[in-house]
Structures are given as C-alpha cells and as structure tokens.
C-alpha cells in the first residue's frame, strides 16, 4: 500500500501570525518603556547621591588617618551641582588652596540635577568638615549635622518627589542617602 501524500507546505509566517506578533510587541513596549525611563532616572539619581556619600566617607577616613581636618566643598562657589572637592585642610580655612592636600574631585552633575545644602553645606562658603575624630563640625568647632538634597529640575509634582534623594550627615560623621518618597525620616532637617 502506498503512503498517503500531503501537499507540500513552505515554512514561514502567515500575515495574520505576523500581525499578532507585532501587536504583542507594541503592547509590551507601551507598558515597558515608561518603567524603563523611571528606572533609569532613579538609577542616575541614586548614583549621584552614592558618589557624594562615598566622598564624605573618604573625607572622614582621611581626617582620622591624618589626624587633621578634612573638608568637602563645592567645586564652584556654593553650587554643589558643580561637583565637589575632598581635601585635607592644612591651613584650616575650609577652602581648597595650594597648601592643602587634594584627595579626590568629582565632576559636575548632569544639568538636569539641582543640589542644595542645609547646615554648613548651605553657608558661604559651603562646606562639610570632619575633625580628626571623624565628627562633623563647623569652623567654630561646634558639632553640627548637615544635609544635601539632590533632585531633578526637569520634572515636577509627585514624580519630582520620587526623583529626589537626600544625603544626611549626622554629627557623628555617619552619612546616609535616603529617598523622601519612601522614608519619613528623610528630610532636609534630619540630623541622623
């Protein structure tokens, strides 16, 4: 008995299968792209805040290692968004000059970030200083906490609150980055 033969069919997709696949891909993109943008924004902001926390940790470590005051200052005036400089303050003037020991410098933040300080990080000159014991203090040797708020300046409303980070520097020298949208203790007036 002879085997039954079926008509030969070429491989490939039909037009309907192709249209369904494209429709599913379009729906996934519509759902996924906004989430990806929010994730990218959050990641950039977290990276900036963590860089500042690392600079503070470096300054604190240098102060304790060298037995001298170490300072973190904005690279330009009182504008923290211009970046920051960490140095050992040999002449105790809270300003980076030729007599001081440069430890590290951070370049400016992206133009869509704003950074504002509280405490000694707000004054003129703006600075965060660590004494040889690792505590933060003012130029008058008063122990004082400080904060630095980093936020996006290209968005507004609830989205802006979600895209804000605050670095809190306690009097003890401990620094932490937090997100005010999810942490009730994360405010510009926080001291720990």
C-alpha atoms as a PDB file:
ATOM      1  CA  UNK A   1       0.000   0.000   0.000  1.00  0.00           C
ATOM      2  CA  UNK A   2       1.287   3.408  -0.931  1.00  0.00           C
ATOM      3  CA  UNK A   3       1.758   6.103   1.746  1.00  0.00           C
ATOM      4  CA  UNK A   4      -0.607   8.981   1.601  1.00  0.00           C
ATOM      5  CA  UNK A   5       0.989  12.225   0.405  1.00  0.00           C
ATOM      6  CA  UNK A   6       0.155  15.608   1.797  1.00  0.00           C
ATOM      7  CA  UNK A   7       0.507  18.767  -0.230  1.00  0.00           C
ATOM      8  CA  UNK A   8       3.915  20.389   0.310  1.00  0.00           C
ATOM      9  CA  UNK A   9       3.790  23.489   2.543  1.00  0.00           C
ATOM     10  CA  UNK A  10       6.612  26.011   2.684  1.00  0.00           C
ATOM     11  CA  UNK A  11       7.872  27.237   6.073  1.00  0.00           C
ATOM     12  CA  UNK A  12       7.259  30.791   7.279  1.00  0.00           C
ATOM     13  CA  UNK A  13       4.695  33.023   8.895  1.00  0.00           C
ATOM     14  CA  UNK A  14       1.291  33.932   7.634  1.00  0.00           C
ATOM     15  CA  UNK A  15       0.265  37.567   7.537  1.00  0.00           C
ATOM     16  CA  UNK A  16      -2.074  37.052  10.499  1.00  0.00           C
ATOM     17  CA  UNK A  17       0.679  35.480  12.632  1.00  0.00           C
ATOM     18  CA  UNK A  18       2.999  38.382  11.810  1.00  0.00           C
ATOM     19  CA  UNK A  19       0.334  40.985  12.697  1.00  0.00           C
ATOM     20  CA  UNK A  20      -0.404  39.287  16.041  1.00  0.00           C
ATOM     21  CA  UNK A  21       3.323  39.191  16.887  1.00  0.00           C
ATOM     22  CA  UNK A  22       3.747  42.896  16.064  1.00  0.00           C
ATOM     23  CA  UNK A  23       0.664  43.795  18.141  1.00  0.00           C
ATOM     24  CA  UNK A  24       2.002  41.906  21.169  1.00  0.00           C
ATOM     25  CA  UNK A  25       5.418  43.577  20.807  1.00  0.00           C
ATOM     26  CA  UNK A  26       3.761  47.021  20.599  1.00  0.00           C
ATOM     27  CA  UNK A  27       1.748  46.398  23.774  1.00  0.00           C
ATOM     28  CA  UNK A  28       4.878  45.261  25.631  1.00  0.00           C
ATOM     29  CA  UNK A  29       6.757  48.383  24.527  1.00  0.00           C
ATOM     30  CA  UNK A  30       3.915  50.678  25.615  1.00  0.00           C
ATOM     31  CA  UNK A  31       3.956  49.048  29.048  1.00  0.00           C
ATOM     32  CA  UNK A  32       7.736  48.702  29.411  1.00  0.00           C
ATOM     33  CA  UNK A  33       9.198  51.997  28.151  1.00  0.00           C
ATOM     34  CA  UNK A  34       7.786  54.266  30.917  1.00  0.00           C
ATOM     35  CA  UNK A  35       9.013  51.841  33.568  1.00  0.00           C
ATOM     36  CA  UNK A  36      12.458  51.785  31.986  1.00  0.00           C
ATOM     37  CA  UNK A  37      12.642  55.607  31.896  1.00  0.00           C
ATOM     38  CA  UNK A  38      11.672  55.821  35.578  1.00  0.00           C
ATOM     39  CA  UNK A  39      14.245  53.147  36.419  1.00  0.00           C
ATOM     40  CA  UNK A  40      16.967  54.999  34.503  1.00  0.00           C
ATOM     41  CA  UNK A  41      16.150  58.316  36.220  1.00  0.00           C
ATOM     42  CA  UNK A  42      16.163  56.684  39.634  1.00  0.00           C
ATOM     43  CA  UNK A  43      19.449  54.953  38.881  1.00  0.00           C
ATOM     44  CA  UNK A  44      21.164  58.212  37.842  1.00  0.00           C
ATOM     45  CA  UNK A  45      19.951  59.973  40.968  1.00  0.00           C
ATOM     46  CA  UNK A  46      20.985  57.132  43.259  1.00  0.00           C
ATOM     47  CA  UNK A  47      24.414  57.095  41.628  1.00  0.00           C
ATOM     48  CA  UNK A  48      24.893  60.836  42.259  1.00  0.00           C
ATOM     49  CA  UNK A  49      23.821  60.504  45.904  1.00  0.00           C
ATOM     50  CA  UNK A  50      26.062  57.482  46.433  1.00  0.00           C
ATOM     51  CA  UNK A  51      29.024  59.340  44.900  1.00  0.00           C
ATOM     52  CA  UNK A  52      28.518  62.115  47.435  1.00  0.00           C
ATOM     53  CA  UNK A  53      28.242  59.617  50.311  1.00  0.00           C
ATOM     54  CA  UNK A  54      31.487  58.000  49.111  1.00  0.00           C
ATOM     55  CA  UNK A  55      33.206  61.413  49.036  1.00  0.00           C
ATOM     56  CA  UNK A  56      32.053  62.051  52.602  1.00  0.00           C
ATOM     57  CA  UNK A  57      33.357  58.656  53.706  1.00  0.00           C
ATOM     58  CA  UNK A  58      36.681  59.403  52.030  1.00  0.00           C
ATOM     59  CA  UNK A  59      36.941  62.770  53.782  1.00  0.00           C
ATOM     60  CA  UNK A  60      36.082  61.256  57.142  1.00  0.00           C
ATOM     61  CA  UNK A  61      38.648  58.492  56.664  1.00  0.00           C
ATOM     62  CA  UNK A  62      41.369  60.962  55.651  1.00  0.00           C
ATOM     63  CA  UNK A  63      40.636  63.154  58.684  1.00  0.00           C
ATOM     64  CA  UNK A  64      41.021  60.221  61.055  1.00  0.00           C
ATOM     65  CA  UNK A  65      44.027  58.754  59.228  1.00  0.00           C
ATOM     66  CA  UNK A  66      45.995  62.025  59.061  1.00  0.00           C
ATOM     67  CA  UNK A  67      44.844  63.488  62.384  1.00  0.00           C
ATOM     68  CA  UNK A  68      43.758  66.702  60.620  1.00  0.00           C
ATOM     69  CA  UNK A  69      40.551  68.279  59.439  1.00  0.00           C
ATOM     70  CA  UNK A  70      39.256  67.089  56.075  1.00  0.00           C
ATOM     71  CA  UNK A  71      36.707  69.066  54.114  1.00  0.00           C
ATOM     72  CA  UNK A  72      34.244  68.531  51.265  1.00  0.00           C
ATOM     73  CA  UNK A  73      33.400  71.709  49.337  1.00  0.00           C
ATOM     74  CA  UNK A  74      31.565  72.507  46.091  1.00  0.00           C
ATOM     75  CA  UNK A  75      33.928  72.951  43.150  1.00  0.00           C
ATOM     76  CA  UNK A  76      32.362  76.326  42.287  1.00  0.00           C
ATOM     77  CA  UNK A  77      31.148  78.736  44.987  1.00  0.00           C
ATOM     78  CA  UNK A  78      28.171  77.284  46.861  1.00  0.00           C
ATOM     79  CA  UNK A  79      26.890  75.228  43.902  1.00  0.00           C
ATOM     80  CA  UNK A  80      27.024  71.542  44.862  1.00  0.00           C
ATOM     81  CA  UNK A  81      25.748  70.585  41.378  1.00  0.00           C
ATOM     82  CA  UNK A  82      29.100  71.830  40.014  1.00  0.00           C
ATOM     83  CA  UNK A  83      30.764  68.841  41.704  1.00  0.00           C
ATOM     84  CA  UNK A  84      32.804  68.649  44.877  1.00  0.00           C
ATOM     85  CA  UNK A  85      36.353  68.531  46.134  1.00  0.00           C
ATOM     86  CA  UNK A  86      37.635  66.477  49.064  1.00  0.00           C
ATOM     87  CA  UNK A  87      40.847  67.717  50.686  1.00  0.00           C
ATOM     88  CA  UNK A  88      42.836  67.721  53.911  1.00  0.00           C
ATOM     89  CA  UNK A  89      42.661  71.297  55.198  1.00  0.00           C
ATOM     90  CA  UNK A  90      46.231  72.109  56.271  1.00  0.00           C
ATOM     91  CA  UNK A  91      45.597  75.839  56.873  1.00  0.00           C
ATOM     92  CA  UNK A  92      42.123  75.362  58.468  1.00  0.00           C
ATOM     93  CA  UNK A  93      40.279  77.844  56.241  1.00  0.00           C
ATOM     94  CA  UNK A  94      37.683  75.423  54.729  1.00  0.00           C
ATOM     95  CA  UNK A  95      38.785  76.467  51.215  1.00  0.00           C
ATOM     96  CA  UNK A  96      40.904  74.410  48.863  1.00  0.00           C
ATOM     97  CA  UNK A  97      44.206  76.121  48.009  1.00  0.00           C
ATOM     98  CA  UNK A  98      47.832  75.242  47.323  1.00  0.00           C
ATOM     99  CA  UNK A  99      48.669  74.468  50.950  1.00  0.00           C
ATOM    100  CA  UNK A 100      46.019  71.728  51.206  1.00  0.00           C
ATOM    101  CA  UNK A 101      46.220  68.056  50.209  1.00  0.00           C
ATOM    102  CA  UNK A 102      43.801  67.126  47.409  1.00  0.00           C
ATOM    103  CA  UNK A 103      42.171  63.759  47.997  1.00  0.00           C
ATOM    104  CA  UNK A 104      39.522  63.490  45.272  1.00  0.00           C
ATOM    105  CA  UNK A 105      37.412  65.655  42.966  1.00  0.00           C
ATOM    106  CA  UNK A 106      34.002  64.878  41.494  1.00  0.00           C
ATOM    107  CA  UNK A 107      32.908  66.444  38.229  1.00  0.00           C
ATOM    108  CA  UNK A 108      29.674  68.345  37.833  1.00  0.00           C
ATOM    109  CA  UNK A 109      26.322  66.612  37.994  1.00  0.00           C
ATOM    110  CA  UNK A 110      24.184  66.462  34.838  1.00  0.00           C
ATOM    111  CA  UNK A 111      22.471  69.786  34.011  1.00  0.00           C
ATOM    112  CA  UNK A 112      19.041  68.413  34.948  1.00  0.00           C
ATOM    113  CA  UNK A 113      20.115  67.906  38.597  1.00  0.00           C
ATOM    114  CA  UNK A 114      19.918  70.512  41.335  1.00  0.00           C
ATOM    115  CA  UNK A 115      21.751  70.132  44.659  1.00  0.00           C
ATOM    116  CA  UNK A 116      21.083  72.285  47.721  1.00  0.00           C
ATOM    117  CA  UNK A 117      22.607  72.024  51.167  1.00  0.00           C
ATOM    118  CA  UNK A 118      21.474  72.688  54.719  1.00  0.00           C
ATOM    119  CA  UNK A 119      23.656  73.453  57.735  1.00  0.00           C
ATOM    120  CA  UNK A 120      27.288  74.168  56.841  1.00  0.00           C
ATOM    121  CA  UNK A 121      26.542  72.773  53.364  1.00  0.00           C
ATOM    122  CA  UNK A 122      24.359  75.833  52.755  1.00  0.00           C
ATOM    123  CA  UNK A 123      26.537  78.666  54.016  1.00  0.00           C
ATOM    124  CA  UNK A 124      29.035  80.832  52.264  1.00  0.00           C
ATOM    125  CA  UNK A 125      31.473  79.207  51.991  1.00  0.00           C
ATOM    126  CA  UNK A 126      29.602  75.916  51.782  1.00  0.00           C
ATOM    127  CA  UNK A 127      31.498  73.015  53.323  1.00  0.00           C
ATOM    128  CA  UNK A 128      31.221  69.809  55.289  1.00  0.00           C
ATOM    129  CA  UNK A 129      34.162  69.374  57.632  1.00  0.00           C
ATOM    130  CA  UNK A 130      35.319  66.344  59.589  1.00  0.00           C
ATOM    131  CA  UNK A 131      37.600  66.677  62.610  1.00  0.00           C
ATOM    132  CA  UNK A 132      40.393  64.159  63.378  1.00  0.00           C
ATOM    133  CA  UNK A 133      37.899  62.052  65.373  1.00  0.00           C
ATOM    134  CA  UNK A 134      35.587  61.746  62.352  1.00  0.00           C
ATOM    135  CA  UNK A 135      32.832  64.030  63.667  1.00  0.00           C
ATOM    136  CA  UNK A 136      31.312  66.803  61.536  1.00  0.00           C
ATOM    137  CA  UNK A 137      31.784  70.285  62.845  1.00  0.00           C
ATOM    138  CA  UNK A 138      31.626  73.947  61.914  1.00  0.00           C
ATOM    139  CA  UNK A 139      34.634  76.235  61.552  1.00  0.00           C
ATOM    140  CA  UNK A 140      33.867  77.337  65.126  1.00  0.00           C
ATOM    141  CA  UNK A 141      34.374  73.740  66.373  1.00  0.00           C
ATOM    142  CA  UNK A 142      30.655  73.198  67.028  1.00  0.00           C
ATOM    143  CA  UNK A 143      29.379  69.720  66.168  1.00  0.00           C
ATOM    144  CA  UNK A 144      26.669  70.078  63.548  1.00  0.00           C
ATOM    145  CA  UNK A 145      24.758  67.838  61.177  1.00  0.00           C
ATOM    146  CA  UNK A 146      24.136  68.763  57.555  1.00  0.00           C
ATOM    147  CA  UNK A 147      22.104  67.585  54.576  1.00  0.00           C
ATOM    148  CA  UNK A 148      22.377  67.762  50.810  1.00  0.00           C
ATOM    149  CA  UNK A 149      19.256  67.444  48.668  1.00  0.00           C
ATOM    150  CA  UNK A 150      19.781  66.192  45.108  1.00  0.00           C
ATOM    151  CA  UNK A 151      16.776  66.357  42.797  1.00  0.00           C
ATOM    152  CA  UNK A 152      15.868  66.534  39.135  1.00  0.00           C
ATOM    153  CA  UNK A 153      14.927  70.012  37.927  1.00  0.00           C
ATOM    154  CA  UNK A 154      13.269  68.855  34.683  1.00  0.00           C
ATOM    155  CA  UNK A 155      10.162  67.276  36.272  1.00  0.00           C
ATOM    156  CA  UNK A 156       7.527  68.368  38.786  1.00  0.00           C
ATOM    157  CA  UNK A 157       4.803  67.145  41.117  1.00  0.00           C
ATOM    158  CA  UNK A 158       4.731  63.662  42.599  1.00  0.00           C
ATOM    159  CA  UNK A 159       7.279  62.469  40.074  1.00  0.00           C
ATOM    160  CA  UNK A 160       9.774  65.046  41.390  1.00  0.00           C
ATOM    161  CA  UNK A 161       9.313  63.778  44.948  1.00  0.00           C
ATOM    162  CA  UNK A 162      10.048  60.254  43.747  1.00  0.00           C
ATOM    163  CA  UNK A 163      13.135  61.567  41.924  1.00  0.00           C
ATOM    164  CA  UNK A 164      14.723  63.218  44.978  1.00  0.00           C
ATOM    165  CA  UNK A 165      17.472  61.938  47.255  1.00  0.00           C
ATOM    166  CA  UNK A 166      18.732  63.492  50.477  1.00  0.00           C
ATOM    167  CA  UNK A 167      22.167  62.802  51.927  1.00  0.00           C
ATOM    168  CA  UNK A 168      22.057  63.168  55.711  1.00  0.00           C
ATOM    169  CA  UNK A 169      25.339  63.703  57.545  1.00  0.00           C
ATOM    170  CA  UNK A 170      24.991  63.170  61.300  1.00  0.00           C
ATOM    171  CA  UNK A 171      27.091  64.966  63.916  1.00  0.00           C
ATOM    172  CA  UNK A 172      28.899  61.683  64.433  1.00  0.00           C
ATOM    173  CA  UNK A 173      30.111  61.803  60.811  1.00  0.00           C
ATOM    174  CA  UNK A 174      27.886  58.981  59.587  1.00  0.00           C
ATOM    175  CA  UNK A 175      26.400  59.718  56.159  1.00  0.00           C
ATOM    176  CA  UNK A 176      23.417  58.066  54.530  1.00  0.00           C
ATOM    177  CA  UNK A 177      21.430  58.596  51.341  1.00  0.00           C
ATOM    178  CA  UNK A 178      17.669  58.258  51.521  1.00  0.00           C
ATOM    179  CA  UNK A 179      14.556  58.803  49.429  1.00  0.00           C
ATOM    180  CA  UNK A 180      11.922  61.114  50.976  1.00  0.00           C
ATOM    181  CA  UNK A 181       9.112  59.484  48.986  1.00  0.00           C
ATOM    182  CA  UNK A 182       9.575  56.206  50.880  1.00  0.00           C
ATOM    183  CA  UNK A 183      11.288  57.238  54.169  1.00  0.00           C
ATOM    184  CA  UNK A 184       9.521  59.543  56.632  1.00  0.00           C
ATOM    185  CA  UNK A 185      12.797  60.285  58.455  1.00  0.00           C
ATOM    186  CA  UNK A 186      14.360  61.541  55.216  1.00  0.00           C
ATOM    187  CA  UNK A 187      14.014  65.330  55.401  1.00  0.00           C
ATOM    188  CA  UNK A 188      16.348  68.281  54.868  1.00  0.00           C
ATOM    189  CA  UNK A 189      16.160  68.930  58.625  1.00  0.00           C
ATOM    190  CA  UNK A 190      17.153  65.355  59.561  1.00  0.00           C
ATOM    191  CA  UNK A 191      20.129  65.069  61.866  1.00  0.00           C
ATOM    192  CA  UNK A 192      20.756  61.295  61.797  1.00  0.00           C
END
